Amino acid sequence: MKDDNFTIFSSILLGILQVLTFFGFVLMAFVAEPIAHSVRERCPECLVEFAGYYGQCIVFFVFTFTNLLSPCILHYIAYFCGASAYSAMQATSQTFTRNTSIIWMIGGTNNFISALFMILSSNLSTTKNDSVTTTPASRKATYRDFSESEIRILTLFMIGITFLAVILAFLLPNRKIKDSLYEKTEHVDSIKAQLVKLHS
């Protein structure tokens, strides 16, 4: 396969990986709290009132913290989990814009897929009034009630999406492209060095 065709192919795979990653993230963000609420309605003593929100708070905190640490380790590992680093390795200054457009064109379909999933899932079962919360304002709110089987299906679906994303990330093809942007980039490994370089 020619280098140019290879970079297009790797861009398509990276776009698909972004769809899988973002779809799982959006799905978790939108259904974690309603699922926790559904469980709490059936078993009030099993979960605290805002369990879904607490869980998402922890997830977003860990996500933010690991984003601060990941640049320090990306340079040392063979698994290129940084999309930008991988894109730079598979592109030259002439093909980078095209490849990035392909990645984001495919990755952007996640918004359509996520919206379609939310529409379909909300129509599968009717929402019902909140009977657990006590404040007048929250008592008027409606929640999507998830049955036990729906929760199991969503869990298996999320496991499948995660498994596909991890496998695809490990199998992303790698090839040394002549005059790639990655070769022309000055590598800075530590956060301190990055900050010094940023302010110099």
C-alpha atoms as a PDB file:
ATOM      1  CA  MET A   1       0.000   0.000   0.000  1.00  0.00           C
ATOM      2  CA  LYS A   2       1.345   3.428  -0.928  1.00  0.00           C
ATOM      3  CA  ASP A   3       2.150   5.804   1.908  1.00  0.00           C
ATOM      4  CA  ASP A   4      -0.609   8.204   0.845  1.00  0.00           C
ATOM      5  CA  ASN A   5      -3.248   5.461   0.808  1.00  0.00           C
ATOM      6  CA  PHE A   6      -1.909   4.163   4.111  1.00  0.00           C
ATOM      7  CA  THR A   7      -2.321   7.580   5.774  1.00  0.00           C
ATOM      8  CA  ILE A   8      -5.923   7.790   4.519  1.00  0.00           C
ATOM      9  CA  PHE A   9      -6.618   4.276   5.834  1.00  0.00           C
ATOM     10  CA  SER A  10      -5.085   5.049   9.239  1.00  0.00           C
ATOM     11  CA  SER A  11      -7.101   8.302   9.400  1.00  0.00           C
ATOM     12  CA  ILE A  12     -10.328   6.389   8.754  1.00  0.00           C
ATOM     13  CA  LEU A  13      -9.465   3.910  11.524  1.00  0.00           C
ATOM     14  CA  LEU A  14      -8.653   6.745  13.921  1.00  0.00           C
ATOM     15  CA  GLY A  15     -11.982   8.404  13.063  1.00  0.00           C
ATOM     16  CA  ILE A  16     -13.829   5.162  13.829  1.00  0.00           C
ATOM     17  CA  LEU A  17     -11.919   4.907  17.117  1.00  0.00           C
ATOM     18  CA  GLN A  18     -13.052   8.431  18.009  1.00  0.00           C
ATOM     19  CA  VAL A  19     -16.675   7.502  17.247  1.00  0.00           C
ATOM     20  CA  LEU A  20     -16.457   4.486  19.571  1.00  0.00           C
ATOM     21  CA  THR A  21     -14.742   6.491  22.318  1.00  0.00           C
ATOM     22  CA  PHE A  22     -17.020   9.534  22.191  1.00  0.00           C
ATOM     23  CA  PHE A  23     -20.189   7.461  21.829  1.00  0.00           C
ATOM     24  CA  GLY A  24     -19.342   5.503  24.964  1.00  0.00           C
ATOM     25  CA  PHE A  25     -18.535   8.715  26.799  1.00  0.00           C
ATOM     26  CA  VAL A  26     -21.778  10.431  25.717  1.00  0.00           C
ATOM     27  CA  LEU A  27     -23.829   7.340  26.528  1.00  0.00           C
ATOM     28  CA  MET A  28     -22.353   7.178  30.012  1.00  0.00           C
ATOM     29  CA  ALA A  29     -22.910  10.902  30.600  1.00  0.00           C
ATOM     30  CA  PHE A  30     -26.568  10.805  29.578  1.00  0.00           C
ATOM     31  CA  VAL A  31     -27.788   7.511  31.043  1.00  0.00           C
ATOM     32  CA  ALA A  32     -25.745   7.020  34.216  1.00  0.00           C
ATOM     33  CA  GLU A  33     -27.982   9.244  36.362  1.00  0.00           C
ATOM     34  CA  PRO A  34     -31.346   7.963  34.986  1.00  0.00           C
ATOM     35  CA  ILE A  35     -30.188   4.368  35.457  1.00  0.00           C
ATOM     36  CA  ALA A  36     -29.097   5.098  39.035  1.00  0.00           C
ATOM     37  CA  HIS A  37     -32.457   6.808  39.596  1.00  0.00           C
ATOM     38  CA  SER A  38     -34.343   3.807  38.198  1.00  0.00           C
ATOM     39  CA  VAL A  39     -32.466   1.464  40.539  1.00  0.00           C
ATOM     40  CA  ARG A  40     -33.102   3.761  43.506  1.00  0.00           C
ATOM     41  CA  GLU A  41     -36.843   3.849  42.817  1.00  0.00           C
ATOM     42  CA  ARG A  42     -36.955   0.066  43.065  1.00  0.00           C
ATOM     43  CA  CYS A  43     -34.565  -0.083  46.016  1.00  0.00           C
ATOM     44  CA  PRO A  44     -34.272   3.295  47.848  1.00  0.00           C
ATOM     45  CA  GLU A  45     -31.845   1.912  50.425  1.00  0.00           C
ATOM     46  CA  CYS A  46     -29.447   0.595  47.746  1.00  0.00           C
ATOM     47  CA  LEU A  47     -28.241   3.980  46.445  1.00  0.00           C
ATOM     48  CA  VAL A  48     -27.945   7.520  47.700  1.00  0.00           C
ATOM     49  CA  GLU A  49     -30.218  10.048  46.020  1.00  0.00           C
ATOM     50  CA  PHE A  50     -27.684  11.552  43.602  1.00  0.00           C
ATOM     51  CA  ALA A  51     -25.551   8.459  42.961  1.00  0.00           C
ATOM     52  CA  GLY A  52     -25.406   9.022  39.192  1.00  0.00           C
ATOM     53  CA  TYR A  53     -24.137  12.555  39.597  1.00  0.00           C
ATOM     54  CA  TYR A  54     -21.504  11.535  42.163  1.00  0.00           C
ATOM     55  CA  GLY A  55     -20.285   8.780  39.845  1.00  0.00           C
ATOM     56  CA  GLN A  56     -19.980  11.143  36.894  1.00  0.00           C
ATOM     57  CA  CYS A  57     -18.143  13.671  39.068  1.00  0.00           C
ATOM     58  CA  ILE A  58     -15.532  11.022  39.884  1.00  0.00           C
ATOM     59  CA  VAL A  59     -15.253   9.984  36.211  1.00  0.00           C
ATOM     60  CA  PHE A  60     -14.743  13.567  35.000  1.00  0.00           C
ATOM     61  CA  PHE A  61     -12.222  14.244  37.771  1.00  0.00           C
ATOM     62  CA  VAL A  62     -10.182  11.162  36.844  1.00  0.00           C
ATOM     63  CA  PHE A  63     -10.471  12.060  33.145  1.00  0.00           C
ATOM     64  CA  THR A  64      -9.141  15.574  33.806  1.00  0.00           C
ATOM     65  CA  PHE A  65      -6.321  14.343  36.043  1.00  0.00           C
ATOM     66  CA  THR A  66      -5.172  11.657  33.613  1.00  0.00           C
ATOM     67  CA  ASN A  67      -5.157  14.192  30.774  1.00  0.00           C
ATOM     68  CA  LEU A  68      -2.595  16.143  32.766  1.00  0.00           C
ATOM     69  CA  LEU A  69      -0.413  13.055  33.238  1.00  0.00           C
ATOM     70  CA  SER A  70      -0.730  11.370  29.844  1.00  0.00           C
ATOM     71  CA  PRO A  71       1.743  13.621  27.953  1.00  0.00           C
ATOM     72  CA  CYS A  72       4.481  12.465  30.332  1.00  0.00           C
ATOM     73  CA  ILE A  73       4.090   8.805  29.393  1.00  0.00           C
ATOM     74  CA  LEU A  74       3.012   8.929  25.735  1.00  0.00           C
ATOM     75  CA  HIS A  75       6.577   9.414  24.569  1.00  0.00           C
ATOM     76  CA  TYR A  76       7.814   6.294  26.396  1.00  0.00           C
ATOM     77  CA  ILE A  77       5.242   3.693  25.361  1.00  0.00           C
ATOM     78  CA  ALA A  78       4.837   1.962  22.012  1.00  0.00           C
ATOM     79  CA  TYR A  79       1.016   2.140  22.148  1.00  0.00           C
ATOM     80  CA  PHE A  80       0.168   5.507  20.554  1.00  0.00           C
ATOM     81  CA  CYS A  81      -2.891   6.460  22.601  1.00  0.00           C
ATOM     82  CA  GLY A  82      -2.537  10.128  21.733  1.00  0.00           C
ATOM     83  CA  ALA A  83      -4.632  10.818  18.636  1.00  0.00           C
ATOM     84  CA  SER A  84      -2.649  13.933  17.756  1.00  0.00           C
ATOM     85  CA  ALA A  85       0.694  12.142  18.086  1.00  0.00           C
ATOM     86  CA  TYR A  86      -0.565   9.270  15.955  1.00  0.00           C
ATOM     87  CA  SER A  87      -1.891  11.695  13.326  1.00  0.00           C
ATOM     88  CA  ALA A  88       1.449  13.502  13.228  1.00  0.00           C
ATOM     89  CA  MET A  89       3.279  10.177  12.762  1.00  0.00           C
ATOM     90  CA  GLN A  90       1.075   9.254   9.810  1.00  0.00           C
ATOM     91  CA  ALA A  91       1.067  12.606   8.009  1.00  0.00           C
ATOM     92  CA  THR A  92       3.348  15.027   6.265  1.00  0.00           C
ATOM     93  CA  SER A  93       2.844  18.777   6.110  1.00  0.00           C
ATOM     94  CA  GLN A  94       1.047  18.231   2.775  1.00  0.00           C
ATOM     95  CA  THR A  95      -1.370  15.533   4.005  1.00  0.00           C
ATOM     96  CA  PHE A  96      -1.989  16.560   7.635  1.00  0.00           C
ATOM     97  CA  THR A  97      -4.959  18.830   6.880  1.00  0.00           C
ATOM     98  CA  ARG A  98      -6.640  16.215   4.703  1.00  0.00           C
ATOM     99  CA  ASN A  99      -6.054  13.445   7.231  1.00  0.00           C
ATOM    100  CA  THR A 100      -7.323  15.541  10.130  1.00  0.00           C
ATOM    101  CA  SER A 101     -10.447  16.416   8.118  1.00  0.00           C
ATOM    102  CA  ILE A 102     -11.103  12.715   7.509  1.00  0.00           C
ATOM    103  CA  ILE A 103     -10.672  11.921  11.208  1.00  0.00           C
ATOM    104  CA  TRP A 104     -13.033  14.656  12.363  1.00  0.00           C
ATOM    105  CA  MET A 105     -15.539  14.026   9.568  1.00  0.00           C
ATOM    106  CA  ILE A 106     -15.911  10.435  10.728  1.00  0.00           C
ATOM    107  CA  GLY A 107     -15.574  11.323  14.423  1.00  0.00           C
ATOM    108  CA  GLY A 108     -18.257  13.998  14.048  1.00  0.00           C
ATOM    109  CA  THR A 109     -20.835  11.375  13.087  1.00  0.00           C
ATOM    110  CA  ASN A 110     -20.797  10.471  16.775  1.00  0.00           C
ATOM    111  CA  ASN A 111     -23.171  13.387  17.413  1.00  0.00           C
ATOM    112  CA  PHE A 112     -25.714  11.928  14.973  1.00  0.00           C
ATOM    113  CA  ILE A 113     -25.285   8.377  16.310  1.00  0.00           C
ATOM    114  CA  SER A 114     -25.601   9.529  19.935  1.00  0.00           C
ATOM    115  CA  ALA A 115     -28.665  11.665  19.202  1.00  0.00           C
ATOM    116  CA  LEU A 116     -30.312   8.804  17.284  1.00  0.00           C
ATOM    117  CA  PHE A 117     -29.611   6.419  20.155  1.00  0.00           C
ATOM    118  CA  MET A 118     -31.105   8.846  22.688  1.00  0.00           C
ATOM    119  CA  ILE A 119     -34.234   9.338  20.578  1.00  0.00           C
ATOM    120  CA  LEU A 120     -34.747   5.608  20.078  1.00  0.00           C
ATOM    121  CA  SER A 121     -34.051   4.711  23.708  1.00  0.00           C
ATOM    122  CA  SER A 122     -36.428   7.367  25.024  1.00  0.00           C
ATOM    123  CA  ASN A 123     -39.217   6.057  22.776  1.00  0.00           C
ATOM    124  CA  LEU A 124     -38.804   2.440  23.849  1.00  0.00           C
ATOM    125  CA  SER A 125     -40.205   3.146  27.285  1.00  0.00           C
ATOM    126  CA  THR A 126     -42.297   5.951  28.684  1.00  0.00           C
ATOM    127  CA  THR A 127     -40.938   8.343  31.257  1.00  0.00           C
ATOM    128  CA  LYS A 128     -42.586   8.614  34.630  1.00  0.00           C
ATOM    129  CA  ASN A 129     -42.850  11.160  37.382  1.00  0.00           C
ATOM    130  CA  ASP A 130     -40.238  11.153  40.098  1.00  0.00           C
ATOM    131  CA  SER A 131     -41.685   9.666  43.284  1.00  0.00           C
ATOM    132  CA  VAL A 132     -38.535   9.556  45.406  1.00  0.00           C
ATOM    133  CA  THR A 133     -37.354  13.146  45.628  1.00  0.00           C
ATOM    134  CA  THR A 134     -39.004  15.442  48.093  1.00  0.00           C
ATOM    135  CA  THR A 135     -38.652  18.992  46.818  1.00  0.00           C
ATOM    136  CA  PRO A 136     -41.659  20.460  44.917  1.00  0.00           C
ATOM    137  CA  ALA A 137     -39.504  21.483  41.944  1.00  0.00           C
ATOM    138  CA  SER A 138     -37.892  18.073  41.517  1.00  0.00           C
ATOM    139  CA  ARG A 139     -41.209  16.267  42.085  1.00  0.00           C
ATOM    140  CA  LYS A 140     -42.410  17.631  38.721  1.00  0.00           C
ATOM    141  CA  ALA A 141     -39.420  16.189  36.872  1.00  0.00           C
ATOM    142  CA  THR A 142     -39.809  13.109  34.719  1.00  0.00           C
ATOM    143  CA  TYR A 143     -37.238  10.371  34.366  1.00  0.00           C
ATOM    144  CA  ARG A 144     -36.681   7.653  31.824  1.00  0.00           C
ATOM    145  CA  ASP A 145     -37.345   4.456  33.750  1.00  0.00           C
ATOM    146  CA  PHE A 146     -34.918   1.649  32.872  1.00  0.00           C
ATOM    147  CA  SER A 147     -35.968  -1.928  33.533  1.00  0.00           C
ATOM    148  CA  GLU A 148     -33.553  -4.562  34.822  1.00  0.00           C
ATOM    149  CA  SER A 149     -33.224  -6.108  31.366  1.00  0.00           C
ATOM    150  CA  GLU A 150     -32.565  -2.708  29.756  1.00  0.00           C
ATOM    151  CA  ILE A 151     -29.833  -1.973  32.291  1.00  0.00           C
ATOM    152  CA  ARG A 152     -28.203  -5.330  31.560  1.00  0.00           C
ATOM    153  CA  ILE A 153     -28.424  -4.748  27.786  1.00  0.00           C
ATOM    154  CA  LEU A 154     -26.906  -1.264  28.111  1.00  0.00           C
ATOM    155  CA  THR A 155     -24.126  -2.642  30.307  1.00  0.00           C
ATOM    156  CA  LEU A 156     -23.274  -5.382  27.809  1.00  0.00           C
ATOM    157  CA  PHE A 157     -23.471  -2.849  24.987  1.00  0.00           C
ATOM    158  CA  MET A 158     -21.028  -0.531  26.778  1.00  0.00           C
ATOM    159  CA  ILE A 159     -18.660  -3.434  27.476  1.00  0.00           C
ATOM    160  CA  GLY A 160     -18.778  -4.335  23.777  1.00  0.00           C
ATOM    161  CA  ILE A 161     -18.105  -0.736  22.654  1.00  0.00           C
ATOM    162  CA  THR A 162     -15.209  -0.449  25.125  1.00  0.00           C
ATOM    163  CA  PHE A 163     -13.750  -3.777  24.004  1.00  0.00           C
ATOM    164  CA  LEU A 164     -13.924  -2.756  20.330  1.00  0.00           C
ATOM    165  CA  ALA A 165     -12.296   0.617  21.081  1.00  0.00           C
ATOM    166  CA  VAL A 166      -9.423  -0.962  23.032  1.00  0.00           C
ATOM    167  CA  ILE A 167      -8.803  -3.634  20.394  1.00  0.00           C
ATOM    168  CA  LEU A 168      -8.854  -1.052  17.594  1.00  0.00           C
ATOM    169  CA  ALA A 169      -6.494   1.223  19.523  1.00  0.00           C
ATOM    170  CA  PHE A 170      -3.990  -1.605  19.940  1.00  0.00           C
ATOM    171  CA  LEU A 171      -4.293  -2.653  16.300  1.00  0.00           C
ATOM    172  CA  LEU A 172      -3.871   0.794  14.740  1.00  0.00           C
ATOM    173  CA  PRO A 173      -1.309   0.316  11.992  1.00  0.00           C
ATOM    174  CA  ASN A 174       1.995   2.083  12.256  1.00  0.00           C
ATOM    175  CA  ARG A 175       4.448   2.900   9.521  1.00  0.00           C
ATOM    176  CA  LYS A 176       7.345   5.293   9.257  1.00  0.00           C
ATOM    177  CA  ILE A 177       6.214   7.933   6.815  1.00  0.00           C
ATOM    178  CA  LYS A 178       8.989   9.884   5.132  1.00  0.00           C
ATOM    179  CA  ASP A 179       9.113  13.536   6.312  1.00  0.00           C
ATOM    180  CA  SER A 180       6.301  12.984   8.829  1.00  0.00           C
ATOM    181  CA  LEU A 181       5.367  15.845  11.111  1.00  0.00           C
ATOM    182  CA  TYR A 182       6.260  13.720  14.111  1.00  0.00           C
ATOM    183  CA  GLU A 183       9.891  13.535  13.001  1.00  0.00           C
ATOM    184  CA  LYS A 184      10.020  17.319  12.719  1.00  0.00           C
ATOM    185  CA  THR A 185       8.531  17.893  16.170  1.00  0.00           C
ATOM    186  CA  GLU A 186      10.675  18.643  19.192  1.00  0.00           C
ATOM    187  CA  HIS A 187       9.680  16.160  21.889  1.00  0.00           C
ATOM    188  CA  VAL A 188       9.192  17.461  25.417  1.00  0.00           C
ATOM    189  CA  ASP A 189       8.519  14.724  27.983  1.00  0.00           C
ATOM    190  CA  SER A 190       7.741  16.303  31.347  1.00  0.00           C
ATOM    191  CA  ILE A 191       4.996  18.726  32.320  1.00  0.00           C
ATOM    192  CA  LYS A 192       7.610  21.079  33.775  1.00  0.00           C
ATOM    193  CA  ALA A 193       9.574  21.095  30.518  1.00  0.00           C
ATOM    194  CA  GLN A 194       6.383  21.693  28.549  1.00  0.00           C
ATOM    195  CA  LEU A 195       5.465  24.680  30.719  1.00  0.00           C
ATOM    196  CA  VAL A 196       8.985  26.126  30.437  1.00  0.00           C
ATOM    197  CA  LYS A 197       8.874  25.717  26.652  1.00  0.00           C
ATOM    198  CA  LEU A 198       5.395  27.266  26.513  1.00  0.00           C
ATOM    199  CA  HIS A 199       6.516  30.411  28.357  1.00  0.00           C
ATOM    200  CA  SER A 200       9.891  30.775  26.620  1.00  0.00           C
END
